[in-house]
Amino acid sequence: MTRVVIVGGGPGGYEAALVAAQLGGEVTLVDRDGLGGAAVLTDCVPSKTLIATAEVMSSMQNAAELGLTIGGGKVQHAINVNLGLVNRRVLALAKAQSKDIAKNLKANGVKVVVGTGRLDGPGAVIVTTDAGERRLETEVVLLATGTRPRELPDARPDGERILTWKQVYGLESLPEHLVVVGSGVTGAEFASAYNALGAKVTLVSSRDMVLPGQDQEAARVLQEVFVRRGVDLRSRSRAVAARREGDGVVVTLASGETIEASHCLMAVGAMPNTENLGLETAGVATDRGYITVDKVSRTTARGVYAAGDVTGVFALASVAAMQGRIAMWHSLGDAVAPLDLNRVSANVFTAPEIATVGVTQEQVDAGLTSAVGVMVPLRGNARAKMQNVTDGFVKLFCLPITGIIVGGVVVAPHASELIHAISVAVAERITVEAFSHDFTVYPSISGSIAEASRRLYGHAEEKSITI
């Protein structure tokens, strides 16, 4: 029986543990902070639970236009946000999800040890618990220790007024004025959520456009929505400091301008948790602090694999889980396909949501791919009109001549659900012709995806078309 030691209980770790156990490995999972890792306890599950509440408030903002009022007033004015209650529900759901993971691991024979682990050469792990240290001999090691919020030297979080994305769930009341520093995915999601919940939000962005790593037409739609909904967007601005002052905070920008607010959320990236892992002694290489891996999750040390955010490959729970599974399939001799990032679907949980998969507009514009694309705005979609959805679009990319679908973007409510159809098309190399022949429900937002494929079919040699 192959001995497997996994350090880290996030998606990369616990999914790997399940696969290793199913393949007959003797599996020990070492975790200190709670099964599920940041994805379950402080990131994906909590933030998306908070966002789900914010989505209800976003819907209420359009209620009057749909003919819904209460006592002659607007529906949203009759709803009060009890953020303490919201956050207690958020944390309870995260805890419940963590318990479910623990039950699943136990049912599959995985031994869970509460503690920390470090490599003692490539063939052993030193496990430290409250009871002391012990050395575990092993044939396979997987490192899945994740990341932590990056902190600015002059903006140290205190957990009360200056917060990281791990600390926001301790708030008992809605911030009167929240400054969000950073306009990447995390910053944009929290800015969108707190704006919908009724807080005054200032978003500090060092770029011209929010979401610099996303499709720029999608980012433009979101930025316009932010401005229309009252978010104070400070573009081309960089925060250099944040300090407590009385019952509030003062955020200082590189220009010398200061912003006074009640709270500040720092969303300025993440740092890999690679300290005290014994990487050098085991011969595990790193790049800018992240563990270097190949497409089957191998590090530079024999028998040592890594998965998840600590590898810097793609900071998504789904990618971490797949890296972990691939590592176990490879190490335990099962059939395995290398990680293919072109098949990864991702979503930004703002309002509207932004979902992507495969080839990007940036790659097309840079000449890195010969794909052609079409964009269909949602304003012509019947279901969108019924729901008073005015912002968003569907974008589809295919290869010329063959018409094989290679990518897409959806900007719409619940884009995270809608993108799956395009993800399947990309993975299975479906053509726009074949996709055009499949039925969709009328009326539906997904009908615009089918519409995009029909528009693109017959125009595969054109650079791009917009309907």
Protein backbone atom coordinates (compact mmCIF):
# COMPACT_ATOMS: atom_id res chain seq x y z
CA MET A 1 0.00 0.00 0.00
CA THR A 2 1.41 3.38 -1.05
CA ARG A 3 1.76 5.86 1.79
CA VAL A 4 0.54 9.36 0.96
CA VAL A 5 0.92 12.45 3.15
CA ILE A 6 -0.98 15.60 2.21
CA VAL A 7 -0.19 18.92 3.87
CA GLY A 8 -3.15 21.30 3.67
CA GLY A 9 -6.87 20.62 3.81
CA GLY A 10 -8.21 22.98 1.15
CA PRO A 11 -9.72 21.83 -2.17
CA GLY A 12 -6.33 20.75 -3.51
CA GLY A 13 -5.67 18.70 -0.40
CA TYR A 14 -8.99 17.10 0.47
CA GLU A 15 -9.90 16.25 -3.13
CA ALA A 16 -6.47 14.64 -3.56
CA ALA A 17 -7.00 12.69 -0.34
CA LEU A 18 -10.29 11.25 -1.62
CA VAL A 19 -8.73 10.15 -4.91
CA ALA A 20 -5.69 8.64 -3.18
CA ALA A 21 -7.92 6.70 -0.79
CA GLN A 22 -10.09 5.43 -3.65
CA LEU A 23 -6.95 4.21 -5.42
CA GLY A 24 -5.88 2.22 -2.37
CA GLY A 25 -3.38 4.62 -0.80
CA GLU A 26 -2.74 4.88 2.93
CA VAL A 27 -3.58 8.56 3.29
CA THR A 28 -2.75 11.02 6.06
CA LEU A 29 -3.96 14.60 5.69
CA VAL A 30 -2.29 17.21 7.89
CA ASP A 31 -4.23 20.44 8.40
CA ARG A 32 -4.09 23.18 10.99
CA ASP A 33 -6.78 25.74 10.14
CA GLY A 34 -9.83 23.61 9.31
CA LEU A 35 -10.83 21.28 6.51
CA GLY A 36 -11.90 23.10 3.39
CA GLY A 37 -9.13 25.66 3.72
CA ALA A 38 -9.60 29.29 2.78
CA ALA A 39 -12.01 28.32 -0.02
CA VAL A 40 -14.54 26.99 2.48
CA LEU A 41 -13.77 28.87 5.67
CA THR A 42 -12.71 32.40 4.68
CA ASP A 43 -12.99 32.84 0.93
CA CYS A 44 -15.28 31.21 -1.65
CA VAL A 45 -18.08 29.83 0.55
CA PRO A 46 -18.34 32.84 2.91
CA SER A 47 -17.94 35.51 0.25
CA LYS A 48 -20.42 33.91 -2.14
CA THR A 49 -22.90 33.44 0.71
CA LEU A 50 -22.62 37.16 1.48
CA ILE A 51 -22.98 37.91 -2.22
CA ALA A 52 -26.10 35.72 -2.42
CA THR A 53 -27.69 38.00 0.18
CA ALA A 54 -26.55 41.05 -1.76
CA GLU A 55 -28.13 39.59 -4.91
CA VAL A 56 -31.53 39.70 -3.24
CA MET A 57 -31.02 43.39 -2.48
CA SER A 58 -29.91 43.99 -6.08
CA SER A 59 -33.15 42.41 -7.28
CA MET A 60 -35.14 44.61 -4.94
CA GLN A 61 -33.60 47.72 -6.45
CA ASN A 62 -35.44 46.95 -9.69
CA ALA A 63 -38.68 46.00 -7.96
CA ALA A 64 -40.46 49.31 -8.59
CA GLU A 65 -39.76 49.07 -12.32
CA LEU A 66 -41.39 45.63 -12.27
CA GLY A 67 -44.47 47.09 -10.60
CA LEU A 68 -43.69 46.00 -7.02
CA THR A 69 -44.17 48.48 -4.19
CA ILE A 70 -44.96 48.37 -0.48
CA GLY A 71 -47.38 50.95 0.88
CA GLY A 72 -46.65 53.19 -2.03
CA GLY A 73 -42.90 53.13 -1.38
CA LYS A 74 -39.98 51.22 -2.84
CA VAL A 75 -39.54 47.60 -1.78
CA GLN A 76 -35.86 47.95 -0.92
CA HIS A 77 -36.65 50.76 1.53
CA ALA A 78 -38.73 48.30 3.56
CA ILE A 79 -35.79 45.91 4.02
CA ASN A 80 -33.18 46.42 6.72
CA VAL A 81 -29.77 44.72 6.52
CA ASN A 82 -28.73 43.02 9.77
CA LEU A 83 -25.10 42.40 8.84
CA GLY A 84 -24.37 40.64 12.12
CA LEU A 85 -27.09 38.10 11.35
CA VAL A 86 -25.93 37.81 7.75
CA ASN A 87 -22.34 37.12 8.82
CA ARG A 88 -23.36 34.58 11.47
CA ARG A 89 -25.24 32.69 8.76
CA VAL A 90 -22.19 33.01 6.47
CA LEU A 91 -19.85 31.49 9.07
CA ALA A 92 -22.35 28.79 10.05
CA LEU A 93 -22.60 27.64 6.44
CA ALA A 94 -18.82 27.60 6.11
CA LYS A 95 -18.50 25.54 9.30
CA ALA A 96 -21.17 23.11 8.12
CA GLN A 97 -19.40 22.65 4.79
CA SER A 98 -16.14 21.96 6.60
CA LYS A 99 -17.85 19.30 8.74
CA ASP A 100 -19.28 17.64 5.64
CA ILE A 101 -15.77 17.42 4.17
CA ALA A 102 -14.48 15.86 7.39
CA LYS A 103 -17.25 13.23 7.32
CA ASN A 104 -16.49 12.40 3.70
CA LEU A 105 -12.77 12.00 4.38
CA LYS A 106 -13.43 9.76 7.39
CA ALA A 107 -15.88 7.63 5.42
CA ASN A 108 -13.18 7.07 2.80
CA GLY A 109 -10.54 6.04 5.30
CA VAL A 110 -8.43 9.19 5.30
CA LYS A 111 -6.61 9.87 8.56
CA VAL A 112 -6.80 13.57 9.47
CA VAL A 113 -4.15 15.04 11.78
CA VAL A 114 -4.60 18.51 13.26
CA GLY A 115 -1.23 20.19 13.02
CA THR A 116 1.42 21.40 10.59
CA GLY A 117 3.76 19.53 8.29
CA ARG A 118 7.17 20.15 6.77
CA LEU A 119 9.33 18.10 4.45
CA ASP A 120 12.24 16.16 5.92
CA GLY A 121 13.76 15.37 2.56
CA PRO A 122 11.54 14.13 -0.29
CA GLY A 123 10.55 10.89 1.45
CA ALA A 124 9.33 12.04 4.85
CA VAL A 125 7.20 14.68 6.58
CA ILE A 126 7.67 16.03 10.09
CA VAL A 127 4.22 16.55 11.61
CA THR A 128 3.88 18.97 14.53
CA THR A 129 0.81 18.75 16.77
CA ASP A 130 -0.05 19.85 20.29
CA ALA A 131 1.38 16.51 21.44
CA GLY A 132 4.78 17.15 19.82
CA GLU A 133 6.56 16.09 16.66
CA ARG A 134 6.69 12.82 14.74
CA ARG A 135 8.20 11.73 11.46
CA LEU A 136 6.06 10.09 8.79
CA GLU A 137 7.82 8.03 6.13
CA THR A 138 5.98 8.32 2.83
CA GLU A 139 6.27 7.55 -0.86
CA VAL A 140 4.13 10.50 -2.00
CA VAL A 141 3.77 14.01 -0.60
CA LEU A 142 1.31 16.66 -1.74
CA LEU A 143 1.75 20.26 -0.59
CA ALA A 144 -1.46 22.29 -0.69
CA THR A 145 -0.88 25.07 1.83
CA GLY A 146 -2.62 27.90 -0.04
CA THR A 147 -2.06 31.62 0.33
CA ARG A 148 -2.77 34.44 2.75
CA PRO A 149 -3.82 38.07 2.15
CA ARG A 150 -1.02 40.37 1.11
CA GLU A 151 -0.49 43.29 3.49
CA LEU A 152 0.93 46.73 2.81
CA PRO A 153 3.58 47.90 5.32
CA ASP A 154 1.63 51.07 6.11
CA ALA A 155 -1.83 49.51 6.09
CA ARG A 156 -1.69 46.70 8.61
CA PRO A 157 -5.11 45.10 9.20
CA ASP A 158 -6.45 45.27 12.75
CA GLY A 159 -9.56 43.15 12.19
CA GLU A 160 -11.88 45.97 13.24
CA ARG A 161 -11.57 48.93 10.88
CA ILE A 162 -8.79 47.89 8.51
CA LEU A 163 -9.71 44.47 7.19
CA THR A 164 -8.58 41.68 4.91
CA TRP A 165 -11.02 39.45 3.05
CA LYS A 166 -10.60 36.92 5.88
CA GLN A 167 -11.75 39.40 8.53
CA VAL A 168 -14.87 41.01 7.07
CA TYR A 169 -17.19 38.36 8.52
CA GLY A 170 -16.72 39.70 12.03
CA LEU A 171 -18.62 42.91 11.24
CA GLU A 172 -21.84 43.31 13.24
CA SER A 173 -23.20 46.30 11.37
CA LEU A 174 -23.07 47.59 7.83
CA PRO A 175 -20.11 49.94 7.25
CA GLU A 176 -21.22 53.53 6.88
CA HIS A 177 -18.48 54.09 4.32
CA LEU A 178 -16.25 51.26 3.07
CA VAL A 179 -13.07 51.94 1.10
CA VAL A 180 -12.08 48.91 -0.95
CA VAL A 181 -8.43 48.98 -2.00
CA GLY A 182 -7.86 46.87 -5.09
CA SER A 183 -10.10 46.37 -8.11
CA GLY A 184 -9.25 42.78 -8.97
CA VAL A 185 -11.76 39.98 -8.56
CA THR A 186 -11.85 40.10 -4.74
CA GLY A 187 -12.10 43.88 -4.53
CA ALA A 188 -14.76 44.09 -7.24
CA GLU A 189 -16.87 41.36 -5.65
CA PHE A 190 -16.89 42.96 -2.20
CA ALA A 191 -17.47 46.44 -3.66
CA SER A 192 -20.46 45.09 -5.58
CA ALA A 193 -21.87 43.25 -2.56
CA TYR A 194 -21.57 46.06 -0.02
CA ASN A 195 -22.92 48.58 -2.51
CA ALA A 196 -25.97 46.37 -3.03
CA LEU A 197 -26.41 45.99 0.74
CA GLY A 198 -26.58 49.76 1.08
CA ALA A 199 -23.12 50.84 2.22
CA LYS A 200 -21.36 53.81 0.73
CA VAL A 201 -18.44 52.32 -1.23
CA THR A 202 -15.27 53.89 -2.57
CA LEU A 203 -13.23 51.62 -4.83
CA VAL A 204 -9.56 52.50 -5.24
CA SER A 205 -8.18 51.13 -8.50
CA SER A 206 -4.63 51.54 -9.77
CA ARG A 207 -5.80 50.87 -13.34
CA ASP A 208 -7.99 52.69 -15.84
CA MET A 209 -10.55 49.91 -15.63
CA VAL A 210 -11.71 47.57 -12.86
CA LEU A 211 -10.91 43.86 -13.27
CA PRO A 212 -7.68 44.35 -15.24
CA GLY A 213 -7.25 40.61 -15.78
CA GLN A 214 -10.71 40.09 -17.28
CA ASP A 215 -12.30 40.68 -20.67
CA GLN A 216 -12.16 44.44 -21.04
CA GLU A 217 -15.61 44.79 -22.60
CA ALA A 218 -16.99 42.87 -19.64
CA ALA A 219 -15.01 45.05 -17.24
CA ARG A 220 -16.38 48.16 -18.95
CA VAL A 221 -19.95 46.97 -18.41
CA LEU A 222 -19.28 46.38 -14.71
CA GLN A 223 -17.55 49.73 -14.30
CA GLU A 224 -20.53 51.51 -15.85
CA VAL A 225 -22.85 49.63 -13.48
CA PHE A 226 -20.67 50.58 -10.50
CA VAL A 227 -20.78 54.26 -11.40
CA ARG A 228 -24.55 54.17 -12.05
CA ARG A 229 -25.18 52.52 -8.68
CA GLY A 230 -23.21 55.12 -6.80
CA VAL A 231 -19.81 53.50 -6.23
CA ASP A 232 -17.16 56.21 -5.91
CA LEU A 233 -14.55 54.85 -8.31
CA ARG A 234 -11.03 56.26 -7.98
CA SER A 235 -9.30 55.07 -11.15
CA ARG A 236 -5.54 55.37 -11.68
CA SER A 237 -5.11 55.76 -7.94
CA ARG A 238 -2.86 53.76 -5.63
CA ALA A 239 -3.35 53.46 -1.90
CA VAL A 240 -0.08 53.64 0.05
CA ALA A 241 -1.36 53.72 3.63
CA ALA A 242 -4.37 53.25 5.89
CA ARG A 243 -4.57 54.16 9.56
CA ARG A 244 -7.10 54.15 12.35
CA GLU A 245 -8.34 57.55 13.40
CA GLY A 246 -11.01 57.64 16.09
CA ASP A 247 -13.96 55.51 15.02
CA GLY A 248 -12.86 55.45 11.43
CA VAL A 249 -9.96 55.12 9.02
CA VAL A 250 -7.95 57.42 6.80
CA VAL A 251 -6.68 55.99 3.52
CA THR A 252 -3.80 57.83 1.87
CA LEU A 253 -3.28 57.70 -1.89
CA ALA A 254 0.03 58.04 -3.73
CA SER A 255 -1.13 61.47 -4.94
CA GLY A 256 -1.30 62.67 -1.34
CA GLU A 257 -5.10 62.70 -1.31
CA THR A 258 -6.76 61.16 1.73
CA ILE A 259 -10.12 59.40 2.02
CA GLU A 260 -11.91 59.32 5.36
CA ALA A 261 -14.22 56.38 5.93
CA SER A 262 -15.58 54.06 8.59
CA HIS A 263 -13.84 50.92 7.30
CA CYS A 264 -11.19 49.86 4.79
CA LEU A 265 -10.96 46.50 3.05
CA MET A 266 -7.53 45.64 1.69
CA ALA A 267 -7.78 43.45 -1.43
CA VAL A 268 -4.27 43.79 -2.81
CA GLY A 269 -3.40 40.22 -3.67
CA ALA A 270 -2.10 37.17 -1.86
CA MET A 271 1.17 35.63 -0.64
CA PRO A 272 2.01 31.90 -0.87
CA ASN A 273 2.26 29.91 2.36
CA THR A 274 5.65 28.33 1.70
CA GLU A 275 7.52 29.26 4.86
CA ASN A 276 8.72 26.44 7.13
CA LEU A 277 7.83 23.70 4.64
CA GLY A 278 11.38 22.41 4.25
CA LEU A 279 11.34 23.09 0.53
CA GLU A 280 15.05 23.77 0.12
CA THR A 281 16.17 20.67 2.01
CA ALA A 282 13.90 18.52 -0.16
CA GLY A 283 14.97 20.17 -3.41
CA VAL A 284 11.62 21.80 -4.20
CA ALA A 285 12.06 24.85 -6.44
CA THR A 286 10.01 28.03 -6.13
CA ASP A 287 9.35 31.02 -8.36
CA ARG A 288 8.58 34.33 -6.60
CA GLY A 289 7.66 32.27 -3.55
CA TYR A 290 5.25 29.93 -5.36
CA ILE A 291 6.04 26.23 -5.69
CA THR A 292 6.99 25.31 -9.25
CA VAL A 293 4.95 22.47 -10.73
CA ASP A 294 4.43 20.88 -14.15
CA LYS A 295 1.10 19.98 -15.75
CA VAL A 296 0.73 16.84 -13.63
CA SER A 297 1.47 18.74 -10.39
CA ARG A 298 5.03 17.43 -9.91
CA THR A 299 7.57 19.62 -8.16
CA THR A 300 11.31 19.40 -8.79
CA ALA A 301 11.67 16.82 -5.99
CA ARG A 302 10.92 13.18 -6.70
CA GLY A 303 7.67 12.05 -5.09
CA VAL A 304 6.69 15.57 -4.04
CA TYR A 305 3.67 17.19 -5.68
CA ALA A 306 1.88 20.51 -5.06
CA ALA A 307 -1.60 21.83 -5.78
CA GLY A 308 -3.70 24.94 -5.37
CA ASP A 309 -2.96 28.60 -4.85
CA VAL A 310 0.51 27.85 -3.42
CA THR A 311 1.57 26.89 -6.97
CA GLY A 312 0.49 30.23 -8.48
CA VAL A 313 -1.05 28.44 -11.47
CA PHE A 314 -4.63 29.72 -11.34
CA ALA A 315 -6.20 30.87 -8.07
CA LEU A 316 -9.45 28.95 -8.33
CA ALA A 317 -10.81 26.24 -6.05
CA SER A 318 -11.77 24.17 -9.09
CA VAL A 319 -8.19 24.30 -10.43
CA ALA A 320 -6.75 23.45 -7.01
CA ALA A 321 -9.04 20.42 -6.77
CA MET A 322 -8.09 19.25 -10.26
CA GLN A 323 -4.38 19.71 -9.57
CA GLY A 324 -4.76 17.59 -6.44
CA ARG A 325 -6.64 14.84 -8.26
CA ILE A 326 -4.13 14.83 -11.12
CA ALA A 327 -1.27 14.54 -8.64
CA MET A 328 -2.79 11.41 -7.10
CA TRP A 329 -3.76 9.84 -10.41
CA HIS A 330 -0.20 10.35 -11.63
CA SER A 331 1.62 9.29 -8.47
CA LEU A 332 -0.51 6.18 -7.92
CA GLY A 333 -0.31 4.98 -11.50
CA ASP A 334 -3.80 5.74 -12.78
CA ALA A 335 -4.57 7.16 -16.21
CA VAL A 336 -4.21 10.93 -16.22
CA ALA A 337 -4.40 13.87 -18.62
CA PRO A 338 -2.25 16.97 -17.96
CA LEU A 339 -3.92 20.10 -16.63
CA ASP A 340 -5.41 22.11 -19.50
CA LEU A 341 -6.08 25.70 -18.48
CA ASN A 342 -7.91 26.35 -21.75
CA ARG A 343 -10.79 24.33 -20.35
CA VAL A 344 -11.04 26.20 -17.06
CA SER A 345 -14.19 28.23 -16.54
CA ALA A 346 -14.05 31.12 -14.09
CA ASN A 347 -16.53 33.58 -12.67
CA VAL A 348 -16.53 37.00 -11.03
CA PHE A 349 -19.46 37.13 -8.60
CA THR A 350 -20.39 40.76 -9.08
CA ALA A 351 -23.75 42.10 -10.25
CA PRO A 352 -23.84 41.32 -13.13
CA GLU A 353 -21.63 38.24 -12.97
CA ILE A 354 -18.78 37.77 -15.46
CA ALA A 355 -17.98 34.21 -16.56
CA THR A 356 -15.23 33.16 -18.95
CA VAL A 357 -13.72 30.04 -20.50
CA GLY A 358 -11.05 29.32 -23.09
CA VAL A 359 -9.70 31.81 -25.61
CA THR A 360 -9.83 35.49 -24.59
CA GLN A 361 -10.37 38.71 -26.50
CA GLU A 362 -6.89 39.79 -25.43
CA GLN A 363 -5.35 36.72 -27.10
CA VAL A 364 -7.33 37.37 -30.27
CA ASP A 365 -6.37 41.05 -30.40
CA ALA A 366 -2.70 40.21 -29.82
CA GLY A 367 -2.69 37.72 -32.68
CA LEU A 368 -1.94 34.79 -30.36
CA THR A 369 -4.86 32.86 -31.83
CA SER A 370 -6.68 33.00 -35.14
CA ALA A 371 -10.08 32.70 -33.48
CA VAL A 372 -12.96 34.95 -34.55
CA GLY A 373 -15.74 36.14 -32.29
CA VAL A 374 -19.23 37.51 -32.02
CA MET A 375 -20.82 39.58 -29.25
CA VAL A 376 -24.57 39.59 -28.66
CA PRO A 377 -25.86 42.20 -26.15
CA LEU A 378 -28.56 41.01 -23.76
CA ARG A 379 -30.75 44.04 -24.37
CA GLY A 380 -32.41 42.20 -27.27
CA ASN A 381 -33.10 39.04 -25.25
CA ALA A 382 -36.79 38.58 -24.38
CA ARG A 383 -36.13 37.02 -20.96
CA ALA A 384 -33.71 39.81 -20.11
CA LYS A 385 -36.40 42.37 -20.90
CA MET A 386 -38.87 40.54 -18.66
CA GLN A 387 -36.38 40.63 -15.78
CA ASN A 388 -35.39 44.25 -16.50
CA VAL A 389 -31.83 43.17 -17.26
CA THR A 390 -30.21 45.89 -19.34
CA ASP A 391 -26.49 45.21 -18.77
CA GLY A 392 -24.52 42.35 -20.23
CA PHE A 393 -23.72 40.30 -23.29
CA VAL A 394 -22.68 36.91 -24.61
CA LYS A 395 -19.42 36.60 -26.52
CA LEU A 396 -18.40 33.45 -28.38
CA PHE A 397 -15.11 32.55 -30.12
CA CYS A 398 -14.52 29.86 -32.75
CA LEU A 399 -11.70 28.76 -35.02
CA PRO A 400 -11.91 29.93 -38.64
CA ILE A 401 -12.97 27.45 -41.30
CA THR A 402 -13.73 24.59 -38.86
CA GLY A 403 -15.97 26.67 -36.59
CA ILE A 404 -14.83 24.79 -33.46
CA ILE A 405 -15.85 26.74 -30.33
CA VAL A 406 -12.73 27.69 -28.35
CA GLY A 407 -13.93 30.24 -25.81
CA GLY A 408 -16.62 32.53 -24.53
CA VAL A 409 -17.66 35.28 -22.12
CA VAL A 410 -21.03 35.71 -20.43
CA VAL A 411 -21.93 38.93 -18.61
CA ALA A 412 -25.33 38.40 -17.03
CA PRO A 413 -27.15 37.43 -13.84
CA HIS A 414 -26.10 33.86 -12.96
CA ALA A 415 -23.38 33.82 -15.62
CA SER A 416 -21.64 31.21 -13.45
CA GLU A 417 -24.43 28.78 -14.40
CA LEU A 418 -24.73 29.86 -18.03
CA ILE A 419 -21.04 29.41 -18.83
CA HIS A 420 -21.26 25.62 -18.44
CA ALA A 421 -22.77 25.14 -21.89
CA ILE A 422 -19.81 26.97 -23.44
CA SER A 423 -17.37 25.06 -21.22
CA VAL A 424 -18.74 21.77 -22.54
CA ALA A 425 -18.53 23.05 -26.12
CA VAL A 426 -14.88 24.04 -25.61
CA ALA A 427 -13.93 20.76 -23.92
CA GLU A 428 -15.68 18.60 -26.52
CA ARG A 429 -14.59 20.75 -29.51
CA ILE A 430 -18.16 21.33 -30.65
CA THR A 431 -18.60 23.47 -33.76
CA VAL A 432 -20.86 26.51 -34.01
CA GLU A 433 -22.82 24.63 -36.65
CA ALA A 434 -23.55 21.73 -34.30
CA PHE A 435 -24.19 24.07 -31.37
CA SER A 436 -26.66 26.06 -33.50
CA HIS A 437 -28.78 22.96 -34.00
CA ASP A 438 -29.34 22.34 -30.28
CA PHE A 439 -32.54 23.48 -28.59
CA THR A 440 -32.77 26.14 -25.90
CA VAL A 441 -35.78 27.20 -23.87
CA TYR A 442 -37.69 30.27 -25.03
CA PRO A 443 -37.58 32.72 -23.42
CA SER A 444 -34.22 32.28 -21.64
CA ILE A 445 -30.94 34.09 -21.19
CA SER A 446 -29.21 30.94 -22.46
CA GLY A 447 -30.99 31.59 -25.75
CA SER A 448 -28.45 34.35 -26.38
CA ILE A 449 -25.65 31.75 -26.31
CA ALA A 450 -27.41 29.81 -29.05
CA GLU A 451 -28.04 33.08 -30.88
CA ALA A 452 -24.32 33.89 -30.73
CA SER A 453 -23.44 30.52 -32.26
CA ARG A 454 -25.97 31.01 -35.06
CA ARG A 455 -24.64 34.50 -35.77
CA LEU A 456 -21.08 33.20 -35.78
CA TYR A 457 -21.90 30.27 -38.05
CA GLY A 458 -21.24 31.40 -41.60
CA HIS A 459 -18.97 34.26 -40.50
CA ALA A 460 -16.02 32.15 -39.36
CA GLU A 461 -13.55 33.94 -41.65
CA GLU A 462 -14.42 37.42 -40.41
CA LYS A 463 -12.39 39.03 -37.62
CA SER A 464 -15.40 39.73 -35.39
CA ILE A 465 -19.02 40.74 -35.60
CA THR A 466 -21.26 42.51 -33.13
CA ILE A 467 -25.03 42.24 -33.17
